[in-house]
């Protein structure tokens, strides 16, 4: 199982704001499980946001009033016979804290208050929720997570992402239909975090390699590409004419077994080979050397892939990244990949 401290470090790369002031104390705290870590991050984020003030939006509200405000709702007023009591239904815009982002945060905190987190953390969260008294809860199972961010609400981006990880990655339905908070993120959410962490690590420490997650165009002879899927890489590193495409995988099993024999996941191998050959075709005029790598998160299985293949003029390697080591040792593994493919490249701290 990955140490919770390493999950925290991975999050600091995925969300750069966590490296800023206000969050630095988290690096010295001990967390027993992921829910405890998420609640700590959320508590810090909410406290910082409260100093700025809770975000407000203009929201449409319909209410029965004795004086005109906004637009009269004639149908509703007639239906309820409000006019007999000298009242009318009006719809008006109200500048309110009861927006979707605040409602998501409040409802997520309510979930965490029922989870197995420390009493001190629960006390801290309850104190913060006093400032959310005008915010209504929201159904987290049906909420639309597709939120629009701008300069006024940009500070909410990380908090909403943490809420999403809690709801989608930690909350699970048990066999009797009840909801249970798991101790660790599910495989799907960890896979996304794993990809994002590796990409952001290389972006920060090796700017010379131009790390990105660019799409790779298909090598089409006639230019017709209707219905072809998008080739979206996880990580691409490039120095001059040398390119490395990394496909990051976080699986329960790093290999598959057929007829009592271990082998690599065939779909993963086909995918990285396709990425490499199409990228090579795209850069053929520059004579680029394109290599590919499947980088699995190491598991506790006996057999772990550590292979290098020469396929049709390209190097395809398969190896693992041990997330159970100290973060310094994790980083050393990522640095070694750079050295082995690009030689000496300056690392920025």
Foldseek 3Di string as FASTA:
>chain_A
DFALLLVVVLVCLLPVCCVDPQNVVLNVDHDDFNLQSLLVVLLSLLVVVVVVNQAWDWDKDKDKALDDDAAFDVVVCVVVVSVVVNITIHIHIDTDSQDPLLQLSLQLLVVSLPAPYDPVSNVSSVVSCVSVPVYHHDDPVPDDLPDDDDPRCPSSVSSSVSSCQQVVFFWDADPVGDIHGHRYGDQVVVQVSQLSSLQSQCVQWFVQFVKDFDWFDAPDPVPDDPPPDILTFSIWTHHQQEIETEHEHEDQDQWDDDPNDTDGDVVVVVSQVRRQVRNCSVCVVSVHAYEYEYEYADHPDPDFAFDWDQDPNYIYTYGYQHSRDPVVVSVVVSVVVCCVRPNDGGTDD
